[in-house]
Amino acid sequence: MVAKLSREVAAVLAAEIRELPAGHRLDGEHAIMKRFGVSRSTVRAALKELHDQYLVRRVQGSGTFVNRRIDYVISRSRRPSLHETIASAGAKAYTHLVGAELRAVPEPVAGRLGLAPGTEAQQLIRMSYIDDEVSGYSEEWISLDVCDHIEVGLRVIESLDQVLRGRGYDPVRAWCRIGLDTPPAAVGERLGLDGPRPTWIVESLTRNRGDARQLMCSTTWTRPDLVRMVLELEE
């Protein structure tokens, strides 16, 4: 009985939520209980269902808020720029460089970059944010002969795409693989996940348009409650 009632309450609230602006604070549990004449357990089950559908975001101590995901479109015709892609979806993005160091390239990455396994390359660790909400964690590898000390440019210009363009390259996405998977615990913690939860994982290779030179290989974990990945296939 509780399950049926919670689905009915969730359905009514979902229809209303779709007409409300992102960030709108919903009524508290007590008000919803009184409105529908149901128990607290029914209301909590309904709110959990809305949360699982990414329609609401629950903030401990603050309440429940309308959530809106943005479409992150990946296609050959779009620049491989996180900032530009998020801006085109009507949101604001910024990135924070967490770490930058020279490291031996792992075998799968070496193959994509055309390097011998064990070759040193620049590894970047970056966090991304959408409208001030932490949204993604990225590991990026760049050959030293492509751009030395690229972290210096990133401390001035957040967009890696713009930094590479400033060095004379025309980056294009050459290969991409998208899936849903549970990130490593340390990544999940940085993303603010409350326990093991699947996130988008996007692996990609970026080349220079003119000579097909490998520029960068990256792996990014992105929160699915904030982003819906959209892959456009073109002729």
C-alpha atoms as a PDB file:
ATOM      1  CA  MET A   1       0.000   0.000   0.000  1.00  0.00           C
ATOM      2  CA  VAL A   2       2.819   2.403   0.894  1.00  0.00           C
ATOM      3  CA  ALA A   3       4.553   1.676  -2.414  1.00  0.00           C
ATOM      4  CA  LYS A   4       1.400   2.439  -4.408  1.00  0.00           C
ATOM      5  CA  LEU A   5       0.690   5.642  -2.492  1.00  0.00           C
ATOM      6  CA  SER A   6       4.287   6.831  -2.799  1.00  0.00           C
ATOM      7  CA  ARG A   7       4.208   6.301  -6.587  1.00  0.00           C
ATOM      8  CA  GLU A   8       0.961   8.295  -6.811  1.00  0.00           C
ATOM      9  CA  VAL A   9       2.399  11.144  -4.721  1.00  0.00           C
ATOM     10  CA  ALA A  10       5.616  11.070  -6.752  1.00  0.00           C
ATOM     11  CA  ALA A  11       3.662  11.247 -10.022  1.00  0.00           C
ATOM     12  CA  VAL A  12       1.745  14.344  -8.910  1.00  0.00           C
ATOM     13  CA  LEU A  13       4.864  16.061  -7.616  1.00  0.00           C
ATOM     14  CA  ALA A  14       6.842  15.148 -10.753  1.00  0.00           C
ATOM     15  CA  ALA A  15       4.249  16.840 -12.977  1.00  0.00           C
ATOM     16  CA  GLU A  16       4.458  19.992 -10.842  1.00  0.00           C
ATOM     17  CA  ILE A  17       8.257  19.940 -10.648  1.00  0.00           C
ATOM     18  CA  ARG A  18       8.574  20.000 -14.424  1.00  0.00           C
ATOM     19  CA  GLU A  19       6.868  23.410 -14.396  1.00  0.00           C
ATOM     20  CA  LEU A  20       9.103  24.866 -11.668  1.00  0.00           C
ATOM     21  CA  PRO A  21      12.478  26.579 -12.113  1.00  0.00           C
ATOM     22  CA  ALA A  22      15.715  24.854 -11.170  1.00  0.00           C
ATOM     23  CA  GLY A  23      16.642  25.442  -7.551  1.00  0.00           C
ATOM     24  CA  HIS A  24      13.060  25.978  -6.395  1.00  0.00           C
ATOM     25  CA  ARG A  25      12.648  24.669  -2.834  1.00  0.00           C
ATOM     26  CA  LEU A  26       9.848  22.143  -2.420  1.00  0.00           C
ATOM     27  CA  ASP A  27       7.535  21.963   0.571  1.00  0.00           C
ATOM     28  CA  GLY A  28       8.879  20.054   3.555  1.00  0.00           C
ATOM     29  CA  GLU A  29       7.854  16.511   4.442  1.00  0.00           C
ATOM     30  CA  HIS A  30       5.234  17.642   6.980  1.00  0.00           C
ATOM     31  CA  ALA A  31       3.501  19.931   4.459  1.00  0.00           C
ATOM     32  CA  ILE A  32       3.429  17.155   1.839  1.00  0.00           C
ATOM     33  CA  MET A  33       2.062  14.694   4.435  1.00  0.00           C
ATOM     34  CA  LYS A  34      -0.749  17.119   5.279  1.00  0.00           C
ATOM     35  CA  ARG A  35      -1.527  17.892   1.637  1.00  0.00           C
ATOM     36  CA  PHE A  36      -1.885  14.257   0.531  1.00  0.00           C
ATOM     37  CA  GLY A  37      -3.022  12.786   3.854  1.00  0.00           C
ATOM     38  CA  VAL A  38      -0.247  10.202   3.896  1.00  0.00           C
ATOM     39  CA  SER A  39       2.420   9.017   6.331  1.00  0.00           C
ATOM     40  CA  ARG A  40       5.989  10.293   6.581  1.00  0.00           C
ATOM     41  CA  SER A  41       7.313   6.985   5.212  1.00  0.00           C
ATOM     42  CA  THR A  42       5.130   7.425   2.105  1.00  0.00           C
ATOM     43  CA  VAL A  43       6.429  10.965   1.549  1.00  0.00           C
ATOM     44  CA  ARG A  44      10.035   9.881   1.985  1.00  0.00           C
ATOM     45  CA  ALA A  45       9.542   7.020  -0.478  1.00  0.00           C
ATOM     46  CA  ALA A  46       8.017   9.469  -2.989  1.00  0.00           C
ATOM     47  CA  LEU A  47      10.895  11.917  -2.593  1.00  0.00           C
ATOM     48  CA  LYS A  48      13.400   9.095  -3.001  1.00  0.00           C
ATOM     49  CA  GLU A  49      11.700   8.117  -6.266  1.00  0.00           C
ATOM     50  CA  LEU A  50      11.943  11.715  -7.503  1.00  0.00           C
ATOM     51  CA  HIS A  51      15.591  11.807  -6.437  1.00  0.00           C
ATOM     52  CA  ASP A  52      16.305   8.564  -8.302  1.00  0.00           C
ATOM     53  CA  GLN A  53      14.744  10.137 -11.420  1.00  0.00           C
ATOM     54  CA  TYR A  54      17.094  13.143 -11.001  1.00  0.00           C
ATOM     55  CA  LEU A  55      14.095  15.453 -10.659  1.00  0.00           C
ATOM     56  CA  VAL A  56      15.061  16.721  -7.219  1.00  0.00           C
ATOM     57  CA  ARG A  57      18.206  17.290  -5.215  1.00  0.00           C
ATOM     58  CA  ARG A  58      18.124  16.767  -1.463  1.00  0.00           C
ATOM     59  CA  VAL A  59      20.458  18.863   0.684  1.00  0.00           C
ATOM     60  CA  GLN A  60      20.792  17.740   4.268  1.00  0.00           C
ATOM     61  CA  GLY A  61      19.674  20.465   6.631  1.00  0.00           C
ATOM     62  CA  SER A  62      18.367  22.669   3.800  1.00  0.00           C
ATOM     63  CA  GLY A  63      15.560  20.786   2.082  1.00  0.00           C
ATOM     64  CA  THR A  64      14.596  19.382  -1.305  1.00  0.00           C
ATOM     65  CA  PHE A  65      15.140  21.406  -4.484  1.00  0.00           C
ATOM     66  CA  VAL A  66      14.123  21.134  -8.125  1.00  0.00           C
ATOM     67  CA  ASN A  67      16.953  19.668 -10.160  1.00  0.00           C
ATOM     68  CA  ARG A  68      17.626  20.234 -13.867  1.00  0.00           C
ATOM     69  CA  ARG A  69      20.176  18.263 -15.839  1.00  0.00           C
ATOM     70  CA  ILE A  70      21.939  19.777 -18.820  1.00  0.00           C
ATOM     71  CA  ASP A  71      22.575  17.975 -22.095  1.00  0.00           C
ATOM     72  CA  TYR A  72      26.293  17.519 -22.679  1.00  0.00           C
ATOM     73  CA  VAL A  73      26.450  16.930 -26.441  1.00  0.00           C
ATOM     74  CA  ILE A  74      29.420  15.056 -27.914  1.00  0.00           C
ATOM     75  CA  SER A  75      29.837  15.086 -31.681  1.00  0.00           C
ATOM     76  CA  ARG A  76      32.541  15.541 -34.317  1.00  0.00           C
ATOM     77  CA  SER A  77      31.168  18.950 -35.267  1.00  0.00           C
ATOM     78  CA  ARG A  78      31.537  20.341 -31.730  1.00  0.00           C
ATOM     79  CA  ARG A  79      34.781  21.516 -30.221  1.00  0.00           C
ATOM     80  CA  PRO A  80      36.041  19.223 -27.443  1.00  0.00           C
ATOM     81  CA  SER A  81      35.652  22.047 -24.942  1.00  0.00           C
ATOM     82  CA  LEU A  82      33.900  21.476 -21.622  1.00  0.00           C
ATOM     83  CA  HIS A  83      33.409  25.209 -21.070  1.00  0.00           C
ATOM     84  CA  GLU A  84      31.909  25.808 -24.509  1.00  0.00           C
ATOM     85  CA  THR A  85      29.672  22.718 -24.395  1.00  0.00           C
ATOM     86  CA  ILE A  86      28.214  23.610 -21.001  1.00  0.00           C
ATOM     87  CA  ALA A  87      27.766  27.255 -21.994  1.00  0.00           C
ATOM     88  CA  SER A  88      25.830  26.163 -25.101  1.00  0.00           C
ATOM     89  CA  ALA A  89      23.483  24.228 -22.783  1.00  0.00           C
ATOM     90  CA  GLY A  90      22.708  27.440 -20.911  1.00  0.00           C
ATOM     91  CA  ALA A  91      24.840  26.849 -17.813  1.00  0.00           C
ATOM     92  CA  LYS A  92      28.082  28.224 -16.416  1.00  0.00           C
ATOM     93  CA  ALA A  93      31.205  26.084 -16.094  1.00  0.00           C
ATOM     94  CA  TYR A  94      34.559  26.473 -14.477  1.00  0.00           C
ATOM     95  CA  THR A  95      37.423  24.103 -13.757  1.00  0.00           C
ATOM     96  CA  HIS A  96      39.994  23.829 -11.014  1.00  0.00           C
ATOM     97  CA  LEU A  97      43.447  22.354 -11.555  1.00  0.00           C
ATOM     98  CA  VAL A  98      44.028  19.934  -8.683  1.00  0.00           C
ATOM     99  CA  GLY A  99      47.379  18.531  -9.765  1.00  0.00           C
ATOM    100  CA  ALA A 100      49.948  18.496 -12.556  1.00  0.00           C
ATOM    101  CA  GLU A 101      53.029  16.293 -12.714  1.00  0.00           C
ATOM    102  CA  LEU A 102      55.235  14.279 -15.015  1.00  0.00           C
ATOM    103  CA  ARG A 103      54.387  10.594 -14.839  1.00  0.00           C
ATOM    104  CA  ALA A 104      54.986   7.404 -16.792  1.00  0.00           C
ATOM    105  CA  VAL A 105      52.059   6.903 -19.165  1.00  0.00           C
ATOM    106  CA  PRO A 106      50.002   3.726 -18.488  1.00  0.00           C
ATOM    107  CA  GLU A 107      49.828   1.242 -21.350  1.00  0.00           C
ATOM    108  CA  PRO A 108      46.271   1.936 -22.670  1.00  0.00           C
ATOM    109  CA  VAL A 109      46.911   5.691 -22.711  1.00  0.00           C
ATOM    110  CA  ALA A 110      50.328   5.233 -24.323  1.00  0.00           C
ATOM    111  CA  GLY A 111      48.753   3.327 -27.210  1.00  0.00           C
ATOM    112  CA  ARG A 112      46.232   6.072 -27.889  1.00  0.00           C
ATOM    113  CA  LEU A 113      48.875   8.804 -27.745  1.00  0.00           C
ATOM    114  CA  GLY A 114      51.313   6.828 -29.898  1.00  0.00           C
ATOM    115  CA  LEU A 115      53.895   6.666 -27.111  1.00  0.00           C
ATOM    116  CA  ALA A 116      55.970   3.779 -25.816  1.00  0.00           C
ATOM    117  CA  PRO A 117      54.668   2.459 -22.462  1.00  0.00           C
ATOM    118  CA  GLY A 118      56.550   4.103 -19.609  1.00  0.00           C
ATOM    119  CA  THR A 119      57.220   7.307 -21.537  1.00  0.00           C
ATOM    120  CA  GLU A 120      56.833  10.366 -19.361  1.00  0.00           C
ATOM    121  CA  ALA A 121      53.977  12.737 -20.134  1.00  0.00           C
ATOM    122  CA  GLN A 122      52.149  15.536 -18.386  1.00  0.00           C
ATOM    123  CA  GLN A 123      49.258  14.303 -16.257  1.00  0.00           C
ATOM    124  CA  LEU A 124      46.604  16.817 -15.241  1.00  0.00           C
ATOM    125  CA  ILE A 125      43.948  16.284 -12.568  1.00  0.00           C
ATOM    126  CA  ARG A 126      41.055  18.726 -12.813  1.00  0.00           C
ATOM    127  CA  MET A 127      37.691  19.215 -11.136  1.00  0.00           C
ATOM    128  CA  SER A 128      34.817  20.721 -13.109  1.00  0.00           C
ATOM    129  CA  TYR A 129      31.814  22.648 -11.828  1.00  0.00           C
ATOM    130  CA  ILE A 130      28.425  23.512 -13.309  1.00  0.00           C
ATOM    131  CA  ASP A 131      26.721  26.551 -11.801  1.00  0.00           C
ATOM    132  CA  ASP A 132      28.947  26.167  -8.710  1.00  0.00           C
ATOM    133  CA  GLU A 133      28.060  22.479  -8.217  1.00  0.00           C
ATOM    134  CA  VAL A 134      30.947  20.011  -8.477  1.00  0.00           C
ATOM    135  CA  SER A 135      30.167  17.969 -11.571  1.00  0.00           C
ATOM    136  CA  GLY A 136      33.231  16.094 -12.829  1.00  0.00           C
ATOM    137  CA  TYR A 137      36.704  14.737 -12.177  1.00  0.00           C
ATOM    138  CA  SER A 138      39.183  14.415 -15.052  1.00  0.00           C
ATOM    139  CA  GLU A 139      42.539  12.753 -15.619  1.00  0.00           C
ATOM    140  CA  GLU A 140      44.237  14.099 -18.750  1.00  0.00           C
ATOM    141  CA  TRP A 141      47.503  13.086 -20.408  1.00  0.00           C
ATOM    142  CA  ILE A 142      49.452  15.338 -22.782  1.00  0.00           C
ATOM    143  CA  SER A 143      52.729  14.499 -24.534  1.00  0.00           C
ATOM    144  CA  LEU A 144      55.605  16.768 -23.564  1.00  0.00           C
ATOM    145  CA  ASP A 145      56.368  17.589 -27.203  1.00  0.00           C
ATOM    146  CA  VAL A 146      52.788  18.834 -27.654  1.00  0.00           C
ATOM    147  CA  CYS A 147      52.781  21.413 -24.916  1.00  0.00           C
ATOM    148  CA  ASP A 148      55.372  21.748 -22.176  1.00  0.00           C
ATOM    149  CA  HIS A 149      54.281  23.183 -18.797  1.00  0.00           C
ATOM    150  CA  ILE A 150      50.667  23.424 -19.890  1.00  0.00           C
ATOM    151  CA  GLU A 151      49.617  23.840 -16.260  1.00  0.00           C
ATOM    152  CA  VAL A 152      51.013  27.397 -16.381  1.00  0.00           C
ATOM    153  CA  GLY A 153      48.490  28.340 -19.063  1.00  0.00           C
ATOM    154  CA  LEU A 154      45.658  26.613 -17.189  1.00  0.00           C
ATOM    155  CA  ARG A 155      46.221  28.790 -14.151  1.00  0.00           C
ATOM    156  CA  VAL A 156      45.399  31.804 -16.328  1.00  0.00           C
ATOM    157  CA  ILE A 157      42.934  30.315 -18.840  1.00  0.00           C
ATOM    158  CA  GLU A 158      40.730  27.554 -17.404  1.00  0.00           C
ATOM    159  CA  SER A 159      39.840  26.017 -20.765  1.00  0.00           C
ATOM    160  CA  LEU A 160      42.347  23.407 -21.960  1.00  0.00           C
ATOM    161  CA  ASP A 161      40.898  23.727 -25.460  1.00  0.00           C
ATOM    162  CA  GLN A 162      41.725  27.442 -25.480  1.00  0.00           C
ATOM    163  CA  VAL A 163      45.240  26.844 -24.138  1.00  0.00           C
ATOM    164  CA  LEU A 164      45.933  24.352 -26.948  1.00  0.00           C
ATOM    165  CA  ARG A 165      44.502  26.744 -29.526  1.00  0.00           C
ATOM    166  CA  GLY A 166      46.766  29.435 -28.144  1.00  0.00           C
ATOM    167  CA  ARG A 167      49.697  27.125 -28.962  1.00  0.00           C
ATOM    168  CA  GLY A 168      48.576  26.895 -32.579  1.00  0.00           C
ATOM    169  CA  TYR A 169      46.571  23.645 -32.482  1.00  0.00           C
ATOM    170  CA  ASP A 170      43.030  23.010 -33.708  1.00  0.00           C
ATOM    171  CA  PRO A 171      41.757  20.262 -31.339  1.00  0.00           C
ATOM    172  CA  VAL A 172      39.098  17.827 -32.547  1.00  0.00           C
ATOM    173  CA  ARG A 173      37.662  14.753 -30.856  1.00  0.00           C
ATOM    174  CA  ALA A 174      39.045  11.722 -32.710  1.00  0.00           C
ATOM    175  CA  TRP A 175      37.795   8.862 -30.524  1.00  0.00           C
ATOM    176  CA  CYS A 176      35.351   8.604 -27.637  1.00  0.00           C
ATOM    177  CA  ARG A 177      33.817   5.937 -25.421  1.00  0.00           C
ATOM    178  CA  ILE A 178      30.948   6.645 -22.997  1.00  0.00           C
ATOM    179  CA  GLY A 179      29.481   4.434 -20.307  1.00  0.00           C
ATOM    180  CA  LEU A 180      28.061   4.292 -16.787  1.00  0.00           C
ATOM    181  CA  ASP A 181      30.287   2.847 -14.082  1.00  0.00           C
ATOM    182  CA  THR A 182      31.073   3.217 -10.390  1.00  0.00           C
ATOM    183  CA  PRO A 183      34.148   5.441 -10.021  1.00  0.00           C
ATOM    184  CA  PRO A 184      37.066   4.675  -7.702  1.00  0.00           C
ATOM    185  CA  ALA A 185      36.218   5.540  -4.091  1.00  0.00           C
ATOM    186  CA  ALA A 186      38.578   8.534  -4.057  1.00  0.00           C
ATOM    187  CA  VAL A 187      36.913   9.960  -7.194  1.00  0.00           C
ATOM    188  CA  GLY A 188      33.428   9.381  -5.788  1.00  0.00           C
ATOM    189  CA  GLU A 189      34.408  11.233  -2.634  1.00  0.00           C
ATOM    190  CA  ARG A 190      35.675  14.208  -4.629  1.00  0.00           C
ATOM    191  CA  LEU A 191      32.400  14.266  -6.558  1.00  0.00           C
ATOM    192  CA  GLY A 192      30.433  14.346  -3.307  1.00  0.00           C
ATOM    193  CA  LEU A 193      28.681  11.028  -3.894  1.00  0.00           C
ATOM    194  CA  ASP A 194      27.027   9.449  -0.852  1.00  0.00           C
ATOM    195  CA  GLY A 195      28.466   5.991  -1.353  1.00  0.00           C
ATOM    196  CA  PRO A 196      29.138   3.853  -4.453  1.00  0.00           C
ATOM    197  CA  ARG A 197      26.998   5.237  -7.261  1.00  0.00           C
ATOM    198  CA  PRO A 198      27.393   4.949 -11.031  1.00  0.00           C
ATOM    199  CA  THR A 199      28.580   8.025 -12.903  1.00  0.00           C
ATOM    200  CA  TRP A 200      29.179   8.798 -16.535  1.00  0.00           C
ATOM    201  CA  ILE A 201      32.683   7.811 -17.600  1.00  0.00           C
ATOM    202  CA  VAL A 202      33.948   9.379 -20.807  1.00  0.00           C
ATOM    203  CA  GLU A 203      37.262   8.335 -22.352  1.00  0.00           C
ATOM    204  CA  SER A 204      38.433  10.341 -25.328  1.00  0.00           C
ATOM    205  CA  LEU A 205      41.342  11.095 -27.616  1.00  0.00           C
ATOM    206  CA  THR A 206      41.868  14.576 -29.045  1.00  0.00           C
ATOM    207  CA  ARG A 207      43.881  15.178 -32.219  1.00  0.00           C
ATOM    208  CA  ASN A 208      45.022  18.205 -34.164  1.00  0.00           C
ATOM    209  CA  ARG A 209      42.750  18.781 -37.144  1.00  0.00           C
ATOM    210  CA  GLY A 210      45.489  19.641 -39.601  1.00  0.00           C
ATOM    211  CA  ASP A 211      47.963  16.773 -39.212  1.00  0.00           C
ATOM    212  CA  ALA A 212      46.006  14.272 -37.033  1.00  0.00           C
ATOM    213  CA  ARG A 213      48.669  14.560 -34.348  1.00  0.00           C
ATOM    214  CA  GLN A 214      47.609  13.097 -30.994  1.00  0.00           C
ATOM    215  CA  LEU A 215      47.220  15.945 -28.525  1.00  0.00           C
ATOM    216  CA  MET A 216      45.520  14.596 -25.435  1.00  0.00           C
ATOM    217  CA  CYS A 217      43.949  11.512 -23.905  1.00  0.00           C
ATOM    218  CA  SER A 218      41.446  11.931 -21.074  1.00  0.00           C
ATOM    219  CA  THR A 219      39.148  10.056 -18.700  1.00  0.00           C
ATOM    220  CA  THR A 220      36.342  11.993 -17.019  1.00  0.00           C
ATOM    221  CA  TRP A 221      33.812  10.900 -14.407  1.00  0.00           C
ATOM    222  CA  THR A 222      30.673  13.075 -14.395  1.00  0.00           C
ATOM    223  CA  ARG A 223      27.675  13.138 -12.053  1.00  0.00           C
ATOM    224  CA  PRO A 224      24.538  11.895 -13.879  1.00  0.00           C
ATOM    225  CA  ASP A 225      22.246  13.973 -11.655  1.00  0.00           C
ATOM    226  CA  LEU A 226      23.711  17.117 -13.235  1.00  0.00           C
ATOM    227  CA  VAL A 227      24.480  15.965 -16.784  1.00  0.00           C
ATOM    228  CA  ARG A 228      22.816  13.838 -19.440  1.00  0.00           C
ATOM    229  CA  MET A 229      25.358  12.664 -22.013  1.00  0.00           C
ATOM    230  CA  VAL A 230      24.105  12.993 -25.597  1.00  0.00           C
ATOM    231  CA  LEU A 231      26.056  11.415 -28.459  1.00  0.00           C
ATOM    232  CA  GLU A 232      25.326  12.797 -31.942  1.00  0.00           C
ATOM    233  CA  LEU A 233      26.379  10.631 -34.870  1.00  0.00           C
ATOM    234  CA  GLU A 234      26.970  12.403 -38.144  1.00  0.00           C
ATOM    235  CA  GLU A 235      27.784  11.374 -41.683  1.00  0.00           C
END
